[in-house]
C-alpha atoms as a PDB file:
ATOM      1  CA  MET A   1      20.770  50.735  -6.582  1.00  0.00           C
ATOM      2  CA  LYS A   2      17.118  51.487  -7.202  1.00  0.00           C
ATOM      3  CA  HIS A   3      17.497  50.327 -10.799  1.00  0.00           C
ATOM      4  CA  LEU A   4      19.158  47.107  -9.660  1.00  0.00           C
ATOM      5  CA  ILE A   5      16.260  46.386  -7.301  1.00  0.00           C
ATOM      6  CA  ILE A   6      13.765  46.966 -10.126  1.00  0.00           C
ATOM      7  CA  VAL A   7      15.719  44.658 -12.455  1.00  0.00           C
ATOM      8  CA  PHE A   8      15.944  41.999  -9.703  1.00  0.00           C
ATOM      9  CA  CYS A   9      12.211  42.201  -9.106  1.00  0.00           C
ATOM     10  CA  LEU A  10      11.482  41.859 -12.822  1.00  0.00           C
ATOM     11  CA  VAL A  11      13.813  38.865 -13.131  1.00  0.00           C
ATOM     12  CA  PHE A  12      12.334  37.272  -9.991  1.00  0.00           C
ATOM     13  CA  SER A  13       8.817  37.853 -11.327  1.00  0.00           C
ATOM     14  CA  PHE A  14       9.768  36.293 -14.663  1.00  0.00           C
ATOM     15  CA  PHE A  15      11.210  33.160 -13.099  1.00  0.00           C
ATOM     16  CA  SER A  16       8.284  32.849 -10.647  1.00  0.00           C
ATOM     17  CA  LYS A  17       5.856  32.843 -13.543  1.00  0.00           C
ATOM     18  CA  ALA A  18       8.054  30.487 -15.575  1.00  0.00           C
ATOM     19  CA  GLN A  19       8.223  28.105 -12.629  1.00  0.00           C
ATOM     20  CA  ASP A  20       4.446  27.690 -12.650  1.00  0.00           C
ATOM     21  CA  ARG A  21       3.936  27.705 -16.429  1.00  0.00           C
ATOM     22  CA  VAL A  22       2.152  24.622 -17.779  1.00  0.00           C
ATOM     23  CA  THR A  23       3.562  23.170 -20.987  1.00  0.00           C
ATOM     24  CA  PHE A  24       2.848  20.015 -22.979  1.00  0.00           C
ATOM     25  CA  LEU A  25       4.943  17.539 -24.931  1.00  0.00           C
ATOM     26  CA  LYS A  26       2.934  15.556 -27.470  1.00  0.00           C
ATOM     27  CA  LYS A  27       4.057  12.008 -28.256  1.00  0.00           C
ATOM     28  CA  SER A  28       2.588   9.093 -30.214  1.00  0.00           C
ATOM     29  CA  ASP A  29       0.570   7.568 -27.374  1.00  0.00           C
ATOM     30  CA  LYS A  30       0.533  10.292 -24.726  1.00  0.00           C
ATOM     31  CA  VAL A  31       0.788  13.974 -23.930  1.00  0.00           C
ATOM     32  CA  ASP A  32       3.229  14.810 -21.136  1.00  0.00           C
ATOM     33  CA  VAL A  33       2.180  17.646 -18.812  1.00  0.00           C
ATOM     34  CA  MET A  34       4.920  19.817 -17.293  1.00  0.00           C
ATOM     35  CA  VAL A  35       4.590  22.488 -14.587  1.00  0.00           C
ATOM     36  CA  GLY A  36       7.524  24.880 -14.379  1.00  0.00           C
ATOM     37  CA  GLY A  37       9.543  22.426 -16.429  1.00  0.00           C
ATOM     38  CA  LYS A  38       8.876  19.574 -13.961  1.00  0.00           C
ATOM     39  CA  TYR A  39       6.981  16.475 -15.035  1.00  0.00           C
ATOM     40  CA  PHE A  40       3.445  16.306 -13.598  1.00  0.00           C
ATOM     41  CA  THR A  41       1.474  13.629 -15.458  1.00  0.00           C
ATOM     42  CA  SER A  42       0.613  12.249 -18.887  1.00  0.00           C
ATOM     43  CA  TYR A  43      -2.633  11.949 -20.765  1.00  0.00           C
ATOM     44  CA  PHE A  44      -2.017   8.320 -21.758  1.00  0.00           C
ATOM     45  CA  PHE A  45      -3.844   6.633 -24.645  1.00  0.00           C
ATOM     46  CA  PRO A  46      -1.778   3.576 -25.694  1.00  0.00           C
ATOM     47  CA  GLY A  47      -4.692   1.830 -27.442  1.00  0.00           C
ATOM     48  CA  GLU A  48      -7.033  -1.005 -26.604  1.00  0.00           C
ATOM     49  CA  SER A  49      -4.302  -3.665 -26.703  1.00  0.00           C
ATOM     50  CA  GLN A  50      -3.027  -2.107 -23.447  1.00  0.00           C
ATOM     51  CA  LEU A  51      -5.890  -0.081 -21.925  1.00  0.00           C
ATOM     52  CA  LYS A  52      -9.637   0.040 -22.506  1.00  0.00           C
ATOM     53  CA  LYS A  53      -9.731   3.787 -21.789  1.00  0.00           C
ATOM     54  CA  ALA A  54      -7.437   6.806 -21.768  1.00  0.00           C
ATOM     55  CA  VAL A  55      -6.094   7.797 -18.339  1.00  0.00           C
ATOM     56  CA  LEU A  56      -3.836  10.267 -16.570  1.00  0.00           C
ATOM     57  CA  PHE A  57      -0.819   8.172 -15.555  1.00  0.00           C
ATOM     58  CA  PRO A  58       1.357   8.466 -13.561  1.00  0.00           C
ATOM     59  CA  ILE A  59       0.593  11.510 -11.394  1.00  0.00           C
ATOM     60  CA  LEU A  60       3.328  13.245  -9.369  1.00  0.00           C
ATOM     61  CA  SER A  61       3.187  15.868  -6.632  1.00  0.00           C
ATOM     62  CA  ALA A  62       5.054  19.176  -6.908  1.00  0.00           C
ATOM     63  CA  GLN A  63       7.983  17.631  -5.011  1.00  0.00           C
ATOM     64  CA  GLY A  64       8.086  14.693  -7.415  1.00  0.00           C
ATOM     65  CA  THR A  65       6.309  12.059  -5.293  1.00  0.00           C
ATOM     66  CA  THR A  66       4.308   9.558  -7.380  1.00  0.00           C
ATOM     67  CA  ILE A  67       0.845   9.362  -5.814  1.00  0.00           C
ATOM     68  CA  THR A  68      -0.645   6.760  -8.208  1.00  0.00           C
ATOM     69  CA  ARG A  69      -0.203   2.990  -8.098  1.00  0.00           C
ATOM     70  CA  GLY A  70       2.155   1.601 -10.747  1.00  0.00           C
ATOM     71  CA  PHE A  71       0.398  -1.729 -11.476  1.00  0.00           C
ATOM     72  CA  PRO A  72      -0.409  -2.878 -14.111  1.00  0.00           C
ATOM     73  CA  MET A  73       1.453  -0.469 -16.412  1.00  0.00           C
ATOM     74  CA  SER A  74       4.609   0.061 -14.313  1.00  0.00           C
ATOM     75  CA  PRO A  75       4.514  -2.338 -11.326  1.00  0.00           C
ATOM     76  CA  ARG A  76       6.447  -1.431  -8.198  1.00  0.00           C
ATOM     77  CA  ALA A  77       7.622  -3.739  -5.423  1.00  0.00           C
ATOM     78  CA  GLY A  78       5.290  -4.031  -2.433  1.00  0.00           C
ATOM     79  CA  GLU A  79       2.116  -2.718  -4.087  1.00  0.00           C
ATOM     80  CA  ARG A  80      -1.165  -4.545  -4.573  1.00  0.00           C
ATOM     81  CA  VAL A  81      -1.871  -6.312  -7.866  1.00  0.00           C
ATOM     82  CA  ASP A  82      -5.678  -6.464  -7.670  1.00  0.00           C
ATOM     83  CA  HIS A  83      -8.187  -4.743  -9.988  1.00  0.00           C
ATOM     84  CA  PRO A  84      -6.053  -4.370 -13.158  1.00  0.00           C
ATOM     85  CA  HIS A  85      -8.605  -1.870 -14.526  1.00  0.00           C
ATOM     86  CA  HIS A  86      -7.631   0.650 -11.802  1.00  0.00           C
ATOM     87  CA  VAL A  87      -5.020   2.706 -13.662  1.00  0.00           C
ATOM     88  CA  GLY A  88      -4.013   6.259 -12.751  1.00  0.00           C
ATOM     89  CA  MET A  89      -6.956   8.682 -12.930  1.00  0.00           C
ATOM     90  CA  TRP A  90     -10.002   7.938 -15.071  1.00  0.00           C
ATOM     91  CA  LEU A  91     -13.756   8.373 -15.595  1.00  0.00           C
ATOM     92  CA  ASN A  92     -16.092   5.568 -16.657  1.00  0.00           C
ATOM     93  CA  TYR A  93     -19.031   3.530 -15.389  1.00  0.00           C
ATOM     94  CA  GLU A  94     -19.969  -0.069 -14.661  1.00  0.00           C
ATOM     95  CA  ASP A  95     -23.311  -0.325 -16.438  1.00  0.00           C
ATOM     96  CA  VAL A  96     -24.265   1.730 -19.490  1.00  0.00           C
ATOM     97  CA  ASN A  97     -27.057   0.067 -21.465  1.00  0.00           C
ATOM     98  CA  GLY A  98     -25.990  -3.219 -19.897  1.00  0.00           C
ATOM     99  CA  TYR A  99     -22.312  -2.888 -20.876  1.00  0.00           C
ATOM    100  CA  ASP A 100     -19.542  -2.654 -18.290  1.00  0.00           C
ATOM    101  CA  TYR A 101     -17.046   0.137 -19.017  1.00  0.00           C
ATOM    102  CA  TRP A 102     -15.476   0.012 -15.532  1.00  0.00           C
ATOM    103  CA  ASN A 103     -14.152  -3.537 -15.126  1.00  0.00           C
ATOM    104  CA  ASN A 104     -12.831  -4.040 -18.648  1.00  0.00           C
ATOM    105  CA  SER A 105      -9.083  -4.646 -19.003  1.00  0.00           C
ATOM    106  CA  ASN A 106      -6.643  -6.900 -20.826  1.00  0.00           C
ATOM    107  CA  SER A 107      -6.180  -8.946 -17.660  1.00  0.00           C
ATOM    108  CA  ILE A 108      -9.874  -9.499 -17.129  1.00  0.00           C
ATOM    109  CA  LEU A 109     -10.912 -12.130 -14.588  1.00  0.00           C
ATOM    110  CA  GLU A 110     -12.120 -15.404 -16.104  1.00  0.00           C
ATOM    111  CA  SER A 111     -15.351 -15.023 -14.123  1.00  0.00           C
ATOM    112  CA  LEU A 112     -16.065 -11.701 -15.881  1.00  0.00           C
ATOM    113  CA  LYS A 113     -15.521 -12.882 -19.453  1.00  0.00           C
ATOM    114  CA  ALA A 114     -19.163 -13.870 -19.870  1.00  0.00           C
ATOM    115  CA  HIS A 115     -20.290 -10.314 -19.105  1.00  0.00           C
ATOM    116  CA  LYS A 116     -20.783  -7.641 -21.731  1.00  0.00           C
ATOM    117  CA  MET A 117     -17.912  -5.149 -21.770  1.00  0.00           C
ATOM    118  CA  GLY A 118     -17.580  -1.681 -23.241  1.00  0.00           C
ATOM    119  CA  THR A 119     -14.532   0.258 -24.409  1.00  0.00           C
ATOM    120  CA  ILE A 120     -13.834   3.997 -24.326  1.00  0.00           C
ATOM    121  CA  ARG A 121     -11.808   4.773 -27.435  1.00  0.00           C
ATOM    122  CA  HIS A 122      -9.614   7.877 -27.528  1.00  0.00           C
ATOM    123  CA  GLU A 123     -10.329   9.722 -30.775  1.00  0.00           C
ATOM    124  CA  SER A 124      -8.611  13.099 -30.919  1.00  0.00           C
ATOM    125  CA  ILE A 125      -6.765  15.916 -29.199  1.00  0.00           C
ATOM    126  CA  THR A 126      -8.677  18.980 -30.326  1.00  0.00           C
ATOM    127  CA  LYS A 127      -6.929  21.755 -28.412  1.00  0.00           C
ATOM    128  CA  ILE A 128      -3.804  22.379 -26.348  1.00  0.00           C
ATOM    129  CA  SER A 129      -3.247  25.698 -24.534  1.00  0.00           C
ATOM    130  CA  GLU A 130      -0.156  26.492 -22.456  1.00  0.00           C
ATOM    131  CA  GLY A 131       0.225  29.105 -19.726  1.00  0.00           C
ATOM    132  CA  ALA A 132      -0.321  29.604 -15.988  1.00  0.00           C
ATOM    133  CA  GLN A 133      -3.204  27.196 -16.559  1.00  0.00           C
ATOM    134  CA  GLY A 134      -2.691  24.627 -19.257  1.00  0.00           C
ATOM    135  CA  SER A 135      -5.675  23.021 -20.933  1.00  0.00           C
ATOM    136  CA  LEU A 136      -6.020  19.865 -22.977  1.00  0.00           C
ATOM    137  CA  VAL A 137      -9.255  19.085 -24.834  1.00  0.00           C
ATOM    138  CA  VAL A 138      -9.826  15.518 -26.046  1.00  0.00           C
ATOM    139  CA  THR A 139     -12.621  13.447 -27.531  1.00  0.00           C
ATOM    140  CA  ALA A 140     -13.533   9.788 -27.120  1.00  0.00           C
ATOM    141  CA  ALA A 141     -16.265   7.315 -28.039  1.00  0.00           C
ATOM    142  CA  TRP A 142     -17.993   4.882 -25.669  1.00  0.00           C
ATOM    143  CA  ILE A 143     -18.464   1.732 -27.754  1.00  0.00           C
ATOM    144  CA  ASP A 144     -20.269  -1.451 -26.719  1.00  0.00           C
ATOM    145  CA  GLU A 145     -19.336  -5.081 -27.493  1.00  0.00           C
ATOM    146  CA  ASP A 146     -15.785  -4.488 -26.202  1.00  0.00           C
ATOM    147  CA  GLY A 147     -15.152  -1.834 -28.826  1.00  0.00           C
ATOM    148  CA  LYS A 148     -16.505  -3.910 -31.706  1.00  0.00           C
ATOM    149  CA  GLY A 149     -20.124  -2.785 -31.543  1.00  0.00           C
ATOM    150  CA  LYS A 150     -21.995   0.464 -31.858  1.00  0.00           C
ATOM    151  CA  ARG A 151     -21.202   3.928 -30.583  1.00  0.00           C
ATOM    152  CA  VAL A 152     -23.237   4.676 -27.430  1.00  0.00           C
ATOM    153  CA  LEU A 153     -21.850   7.991 -26.157  1.00  0.00           C
ATOM    154  CA  ASP A 154     -19.686  10.789 -27.515  1.00  0.00           C
ATOM    155  CA  GLU A 155     -17.273  12.180 -24.928  1.00  0.00           C
ATOM    156  CA  SER A 156     -15.631  15.594 -24.853  1.00  0.00           C
ATOM    157  CA  THR A 157     -13.240  16.183 -21.958  1.00  0.00           C
ATOM    158  CA  THR A 158     -11.338  19.295 -20.940  1.00  0.00           C
ATOM    159  CA  TYR A 159      -8.412  18.886 -18.565  1.00  0.00           C
ATOM    160  CA  VAL A 160      -7.059  22.012 -16.876  1.00  0.00           C
ATOM    161  CA  PHE A 161      -3.677  21.742 -15.144  1.00  0.00           C
ATOM    162  CA  SER A 162      -1.977  24.217 -12.810  1.00  0.00           C
ATOM    163  CA  GLY A 163       0.472  24.275  -9.932  1.00  0.00           C
ATOM    164  CA  SER A 164       2.825  26.074  -7.572  1.00  0.00           C
ATOM    165  CA  ASN A 165       5.783  25.073  -5.422  1.00  0.00           C
ATOM    166  CA  ASP A 166       3.734  22.686  -3.237  1.00  0.00           C
ATOM    167  CA  ILE A 167       0.411  22.219  -5.083  1.00  0.00           C
ATOM    168  CA  ARG A 168      -0.745  20.522  -8.276  1.00  0.00           C
ATOM    169  CA  ILE A 169      -4.330  20.862  -9.555  1.00  0.00           C
ATOM    170  CA  ILE A 170      -6.244  18.896 -12.177  1.00  0.00           C
ATOM    171  CA  ASP A 171      -9.723  19.847 -13.347  1.00  0.00           C
ATOM    172  CA  ARG A 172     -11.610  17.282 -15.404  1.00  0.00           C
ATOM    173  CA  ILE A 173     -14.780  18.493 -17.130  1.00  0.00           C
ATOM    174  CA  THR A 174     -16.394  15.693 -19.145  1.00  0.00           C
ATOM    175  CA  THR A 175     -19.533  16.000 -21.259  1.00  0.00           C
ATOM    176  CA  LEU A 176     -21.223  12.821 -22.467  1.00  0.00           C
ATOM    177  CA  LYS A 177     -23.700  12.985 -25.356  1.00  0.00           C
ATOM    178  CA  ALA A 178     -26.113  10.161 -26.136  1.00  0.00           C
ATOM    179  CA  VAL A 179     -25.650   8.677 -29.605  1.00  0.00           C
ATOM    180  CA  SER A 180     -27.979   5.715 -29.071  1.00  0.00           C
ATOM    181  CA  ASP A 181     -31.724   6.383 -28.930  1.00  0.00           C
ATOM    182  CA  VAL A 182     -31.717   5.723 -25.168  1.00  0.00           C
ATOM    183  CA  VAL A 183     -28.683   5.558 -22.864  1.00  0.00           C
ATOM    184  CA  THR A 184     -29.243   4.371 -19.287  1.00  0.00           C
ATOM    185  CA  PHE A 185     -26.634   4.488 -16.547  1.00  0.00           C
ATOM    186  CA  ARG A 186     -27.935   1.733 -14.313  1.00  0.00           C
ATOM    187  CA  ASP A 187     -27.801   2.458 -10.594  1.00  0.00           C
ATOM    188  CA  VAL A 188     -24.631   0.525  -9.592  1.00  0.00           C
ATOM    189  CA  LYS A 189     -21.615   0.805  -7.310  1.00  0.00           C
ATOM    190  CA  ASP A 190     -18.591   1.023  -9.590  1.00  0.00           C
ATOM    191  CA  GLY A 191     -18.112   4.528 -10.967  1.00  0.00           C
ATOM    192  CA  MET A 192     -17.370   7.156 -11.884  1.00  0.00           C
ATOM    193  CA  PHE A 193     -14.399   9.515 -11.422  1.00  0.00           C
ATOM    194  CA  ALA A 194     -11.501   7.745  -9.736  1.00  0.00           C
ATOM    195  CA  ILE A 195      -7.832   7.521  -8.796  1.00  0.00           C
ATOM    196  CA  ARG A 196      -5.950   4.390  -7.748  1.00  0.00           C
ATOM    197  CA  VAL A 197      -3.360   5.621  -5.278  1.00  0.00           C
ATOM    198  CA  ALA A 198       0.072   4.378  -4.247  1.00  0.00           C
ATOM    199  CA  ARG A 199       0.437   1.766  -1.498  1.00  0.00           C
ATOM    200  CA  GLN A 200       1.636   4.370   1.045  1.00  0.00           C
ATOM    201  CA  LEU A 201      -1.703   6.222   0.780  1.00  0.00           C
ATOM    202  CA  GLU A 202      -3.817   3.171   1.574  1.00  0.00           C
ATOM    203  CA  ILE A 203      -5.423   2.821   5.000  1.00  0.00           C
ATOM    204  CA  PRO A 204      -3.430   0.351   7.137  1.00  0.00           C
ATOM    205  CA  SER A 205      -5.343  -2.909   7.536  1.00  0.00           C
ATOM    206  CA  ASN A 206      -4.643  -6.046   9.561  1.00  0.00           C
ATOM    207  CA  LYS A 207      -7.296  -8.232   7.917  1.00  0.00           C
ATOM    208  CA  PRO A 208      -8.014  -9.566   4.431  1.00  0.00           C
ATOM    209  CA  ASP A 209     -11.042  -8.244   2.540  1.00  0.00           C
ATOM    210  CA  VAL A 210     -13.322  -9.600  -0.166  1.00  0.00           C
ATOM    211  CA  PHE A 211     -15.078  -7.121  -2.466  1.00  0.00           C
ATOM    212  CA  THR A 212     -18.052  -8.182  -4.584  1.00  0.00           C
ATOM    213  CA  ASP A 213     -19.068  -6.262  -7.700  1.00  0.00           C
ATOM    214  CA  ALA A 214     -22.520  -5.917  -9.270  1.00  0.00           C
ATOM    215  CA  HIS A 215     -21.934  -9.131 -11.257  1.00  0.00           C
ATOM    216  CA  GLY A 216     -21.390 -11.073  -8.032  1.00  0.00           C
ATOM    217  CA  VAL A 217     -17.681 -11.497  -8.791  1.00  0.00           C
ATOM    218  CA  GLU A 218     -15.453 -11.532  -5.712  1.00  0.00           C
ATOM    219  CA  THR A 219     -11.986  -9.961  -5.530  1.00  0.00           C
ATOM    220  CA  LYS A 220      -9.875 -11.007  -2.558  1.00  0.00           C
ATOM    221  CA  VAL A 221      -7.553  -8.361  -1.113  1.00  0.00           C
ATOM    222  CA  PRO A 222      -5.023 -10.049   1.211  1.00  0.00           C
ATOM    223  CA  VAL A 223      -3.308  -8.702   4.313  1.00  0.00           C
ATOM    224  CA  MET A 224      -0.062  -6.947   3.397  1.00  0.00           C
ATOM    225  CA  ASP A 225       2.912  -5.416   5.195  1.00  0.00           C
ATOM    226  CA  ASN A 226       1.762  -2.024   6.521  1.00  0.00           C
ATOM    227  CA  THR A 227       5.247  -0.514   6.805  1.00  0.00           C
ATOM    228  CA  GLY A 228       5.069   3.050   5.500  1.00  0.00           C
ATOM    229  CA  VAL A 229       1.295   2.858   4.928  1.00  0.00           C
ATOM    230  CA  SER A 230      -0.383   5.912   6.454  1.00  0.00           C
ATOM    231  CA  GLY A 231      -3.514   6.843   4.499  1.00  0.00           C
ATOM    232  CA  ASN A 232      -6.706   8.262   6.007  1.00  0.00           C
ATOM    233  CA  TYR A 233      -9.820   9.711   4.386  1.00  0.00           C
ATOM    234  CA  ILE A 234     -11.407  12.868   5.813  1.00  0.00           C
ATOM    235  CA  SER A 235     -14.657  14.158   4.316  1.00  0.00           C
ATOM    236  CA  SER A 236     -16.122  17.656   4.252  1.00  0.00           C
ATOM    237  CA  GLU A 237     -18.714  16.360   6.740  1.00  0.00           C
ATOM    238  CA  GLY A 238     -16.094  15.180   9.255  1.00  0.00           C
ATOM    239  CA  VAL A 239     -16.321  11.438   8.521  1.00  0.00           C
ATOM    240  CA  GLN A 240     -12.980   9.605   8.543  1.00  0.00           C
ATOM    241  CA  GLY A 241     -11.311   6.357   7.521  1.00  0.00           C
ATOM    242  CA  GLU A 242     -13.201   3.433   6.000  1.00  0.00           C
ATOM    243  CA  ALA A 243     -16.446   4.974   7.268  1.00  0.00           C
ATOM    244  CA  VAL A 244     -16.458   7.496   4.401  1.00  0.00           C
ATOM    245  CA  TRP A 245     -17.591   4.785   1.960  1.00  0.00           C
ATOM    246  CA  SER A 246     -21.208   5.371   0.813  1.00  0.00           C
ATOM    247  CA  THR A 247     -21.426   8.761   2.568  1.00  0.00           C
ATOM    248  CA  ARG A 248     -22.167  12.060   0.820  1.00  0.00           C
ATOM    249  CA  ALA A 249     -19.719  14.954   0.877  1.00  0.00           C
ATOM    250  CA  LYS A 250     -18.746  18.109  -1.038  1.00  0.00           C
ATOM    251  CA  TRP A 251     -15.119  17.006  -0.995  1.00  0.00           C
ATOM    252  CA  MET A 252     -12.957  14.147   0.204  1.00  0.00           C
ATOM    253  CA  ASN A 253      -9.335  14.440   1.316  1.00  0.00           C
ATOM    254  CA  LEU A 254      -6.931  11.505   1.418  1.00  0.00           C
ATOM    255  CA  THR A 255      -4.049  12.246   3.765  1.00  0.00           C
ATOM    256  CA  GLY A 256      -0.815  10.350   4.270  1.00  0.00           C
ATOM    257  CA  LYS A 257       2.957  10.526   4.265  1.00  0.00           C
ATOM    258  CA  MET A 258       5.301   9.729   1.397  1.00  0.00           C
ATOM    259  CA  ASP A 259       8.988  10.467   0.864  1.00  0.00           C
ATOM    260  CA  ASN A 260       9.194  11.798   4.449  1.00  0.00           C
ATOM    261  CA  HIS A 261       6.644  14.573   3.997  1.00  0.00           C
ATOM    262  CA  PRO A 262       2.832  14.932   4.133  1.00  0.00           C
ATOM    263  CA  ILE A 263       0.790  14.212   1.009  1.00  0.00           C
ATOM    264  CA  ASN A 264      -2.855  15.222   0.618  1.00  0.00           C
ATOM    265  CA  VAL A 265      -5.004  14.231  -2.366  1.00  0.00           C
ATOM    266  CA  ALA A 266      -8.384  15.983  -2.346  1.00  0.00           C
ATOM    267  CA  ILE A 267     -11.212  15.510  -4.847  1.00  0.00           C
ATOM    268  CA  LEU A 268     -13.805  18.288  -4.989  1.00  0.00           C
ATOM    269  CA  ASP A 269     -17.378  17.751  -6.174  1.00  0.00           C
ATOM    270  CA  HIS A 270     -19.203  20.541  -8.037  1.00  0.00           C
ATOM    271  CA  PRO A 271     -22.685  21.949  -7.252  1.00  0.00           C
ATOM    272  CA  ALA A 272     -23.737  21.588 -10.905  1.00  0.00           C
ATOM    273  CA  ASN A 273     -23.071  17.831 -10.893  1.00  0.00           C
ATOM    274  CA  VAL A 274     -26.060  15.520 -10.752  1.00  0.00           C
ATOM    275  CA  THR A 275     -27.011  14.406  -7.177  1.00  0.00           C
ATOM    276  CA  TYR A 276     -24.534  16.852  -5.561  1.00  0.00           C
ATOM    277  CA  PRO A 277     -23.161  16.321  -2.965  1.00  0.00           C
ATOM    278  CA  SER A 278     -22.204  12.934  -4.313  1.00  0.00           C
ATOM    279  CA  TYR A 279     -21.743   9.558  -2.709  1.00  0.00           C
ATOM    280  CA  TRP A 280     -18.136   8.414  -2.341  1.00  0.00           C
ATOM    281  CA  HIS A 281     -16.827   5.018  -3.390  1.00  0.00           C
ATOM    282  CA  ALA A 282     -13.571   5.405  -1.430  1.00  0.00           C
ATOM    283  CA  ARG A 283     -11.884   2.225  -0.226  1.00  0.00           C
ATOM    284  CA  GLY A 284      -9.013   1.693   2.163  1.00  0.00           C
ATOM    285  CA  TYR A 285      -7.093  -0.498  -0.313  1.00  0.00           C
ATOM    286  CA  GLY A 286      -6.397   2.474  -2.600  1.00  0.00           C
ATOM    287  CA  LEU A 287      -9.467   3.056  -4.775  1.00  0.00           C
ATOM    288  CA  PHE A 288     -10.505   6.709  -4.370  1.00  0.00           C
ATOM    289  CA  ALA A 289     -13.702   7.320  -6.344  1.00  0.00           C
ATOM    290  CA  VAL A 290     -16.794   9.498  -6.427  1.00  0.00           C
ATOM    291  CA  ASN A 291     -19.997   8.051  -7.874  1.00  0.00           C
ATOM    292  CA  PRO A 292     -22.924  10.446  -8.435  1.00  0.00           C
ATOM    293  CA  LEU A 293     -25.084   7.811 -10.153  1.00  0.00           C
ATOM    294  CA  GLY A 294     -25.059   4.836  -7.735  1.00  0.00           C
ATOM    295  CA  LEU A 295     -27.772   6.001  -5.353  1.00  0.00           C
ATOM    296  CA  SER A 296     -29.435   2.644  -4.704  1.00  0.00           C
ATOM    297  CA  VAL A 297     -26.373   0.755  -3.470  1.00  0.00           C
ATOM    298  CA  PHE A 298     -25.078   3.640  -1.372  1.00  0.00           C
ATOM    299  CA  SER A 299     -28.440   4.390   0.230  1.00  0.00           C
ATOM    300  CA  ASN A 300     -29.242   0.717   0.887  1.00  0.00           C
ATOM    301  CA  GLY A 301     -32.147   0.883  -1.552  1.00  0.00           C
ATOM    302  CA  LYS A 302     -33.824   3.904   0.030  1.00  0.00           C
ATOM    303  CA  THR A 303     -33.604   5.783  -3.274  1.00  0.00           C
ATOM    304  CA  SER A 304     -32.547   5.032  -6.849  1.00  0.00           C
ATOM    305  CA  LEU A 305     -31.673   6.869 -10.031  1.00  0.00           C
ATOM    306  CA  ASN A 306     -30.992   4.864 -13.242  1.00  0.00           C
ATOM    307  CA  TYR A 307     -30.032   8.093 -15.016  1.00  0.00           C
ATOM    308  CA  THR A 308     -31.217   8.179 -18.635  1.00  0.00           C
ATOM    309  CA  LEU A 309     -30.268  10.262 -21.658  1.00  0.00           C
ATOM    310  CA  MET A 310     -32.298  10.369 -24.847  1.00  0.00           C
ATOM    311  CA  LYS A 311     -30.491  10.657 -28.188  1.00  0.00           C
ATOM    312  CA  GLY A 312     -28.747  14.036 -28.430  1.00  0.00           C
ATOM    313  CA  GLU A 313     -29.026  14.830 -24.710  1.00  0.00           C
ATOM    314  CA  THR A 314     -25.915  15.494 -22.640  1.00  0.00           C
ATOM    315  CA  ILE A 315     -24.661  15.305 -19.076  1.00  0.00           C
ATOM    316  CA  THR A 316     -21.535  16.996 -17.711  1.00  0.00           C
ATOM    317  CA  PHE A 317     -19.337  15.887 -14.809  1.00  0.00           C
ATOM    318  CA  ARG A 318     -16.927  18.364 -13.175  1.00  0.00           C
ATOM    319  CA  TYR A 319     -14.204  17.410 -10.685  1.00  0.00           C
ATOM    320  CA  ARG A 320     -11.144  19.172  -9.297  1.00  0.00           C
ATOM    321  CA  THR A 321      -8.261  17.215  -7.768  1.00  0.00           C
ATOM    322  CA  ILE A 322      -5.717  18.971  -5.549  1.00  0.00           C
ATOM    323  CA  ILE A 323      -2.417  17.216  -4.804  1.00  0.00           C
ATOM    324  CA  SER A 324      -0.526  18.892  -1.978  1.00  0.00           C
ATOM    325  CA  ASP A 325       2.894  18.285  -0.425  1.00  0.00           C
ATOM    326  CA  ARG A 326       1.508  19.545   2.883  1.00  0.00           C
ATOM    327  CA  ASP A 327      -1.584  19.031   5.005  1.00  0.00           C
ATOM    328  CA  MET A 328      -4.683  21.015   3.999  1.00  0.00           C
ATOM    329  CA  THR A 329      -7.217  22.196   6.578  1.00  0.00           C
ATOM    330  CA  LYS A 330     -10.991  21.892   6.375  1.00  0.00           C
ATOM    331  CA  GLU A 331     -11.263  25.662   6.038  1.00  0.00           C
ATOM    332  CA  GLU A 332      -8.791  25.640   3.159  1.00  0.00           C
ATOM    333  CA  LEU A 333     -10.662  22.871   1.354  1.00  0.00           C
ATOM    334  CA  ASP A 334     -14.048  24.508   1.922  1.00  0.00           C
ATOM    335  CA  LYS A 335     -12.665  27.668   0.300  1.00  0.00           C
ATOM    336  CA  ALA A 336     -11.139  25.636  -2.534  1.00  0.00           C
ATOM    337  CA  GLN A 337     -14.437  23.907  -3.219  1.00  0.00           C
ATOM    338  CA  ALA A 338     -16.296  27.253  -3.259  1.00  0.00           C
ATOM    339  CA  LYS A 339     -13.655  28.640  -5.633  1.00  0.00           C
ATOM    340  CA  PHE A 340     -14.096  25.633  -7.925  1.00  0.00           C
ATOM    341  CA  ALA A 341     -17.848  26.231  -7.934  1.00  0.00           C
ATOM    342  CA  ARG A 342     -17.302  29.869  -8.975  1.00  0.00           C
ATOM    343  CA  GLU A 343     -14.675  29.213 -11.602  1.00  0.00           C
ATOM    344  CA  VAL A 344     -16.254  26.278 -13.432  1.00  0.00           C
ATOM    345  CA  LYS A 345     -19.826  26.352 -14.690  1.00  0.00           C
END
């Protein structure tokens, strides 16, 4: 009997570890990420004819709930069809040496076509490591003139994926190196690390909105049916709802309900990031973003940054995203943020 118990424990231990093991499946235009044999997300790089940057898309919770919006790659009934450049999870910026890497897409608004656009071109997958934590290292080039001009920045990004029966975690650590003699990230609103979430995680709204970007271009977001829409932002500083926009926080948690159970999506800032704790560009219509470089717009002009790199200099951005099939407490998220700070340098 004792031997049977030992064998059972060993088998149980094996399957517990296998359940959480991160594996990858490499394809022509993406790398699928699996946790315990269950699909989690894909590093998606279909090329500039479809996307002007590589993204993680779609992203699923441990229970299989899709927390990202489908449009424009895989539209779903009832979701918004604004901002076609909001795809999955990404990192880019609205003004780098006068070029807009944020708003560029293949469905670009006519009013934006006169503006200078940049493209972030996927270049290589340099390393894949499987295990309890799976890592994917990729490189990209930030190129001006809509991908037809000169190389401005070299990007090296490490993704680290992990998960359990009710949690999925994504770390994104991105280092940007100046290739041009001077690279300036102008102090603007649209940036930098972001997720566009599913309709159910938006904040219910009974009025239309109009959002104006740094170019003065307006995007109208109409009133929609709020059935099943239950999102709410809660910051580390206790701010909630739409009021979190332009506030600073160590972390931001988006709570809601999907597929008849709670969903939490939390983004954690890192103490080594520039301007920590960062300002949050989190909107009720589904854009969930953190922008460490847009000080002027978020502080109403009280301070500014215009962050500059000289040729060869680098800057690193570190973010952890936790996707939970249950509600997470402030204490739990404070501990998670401290753990992130310890684990990632």
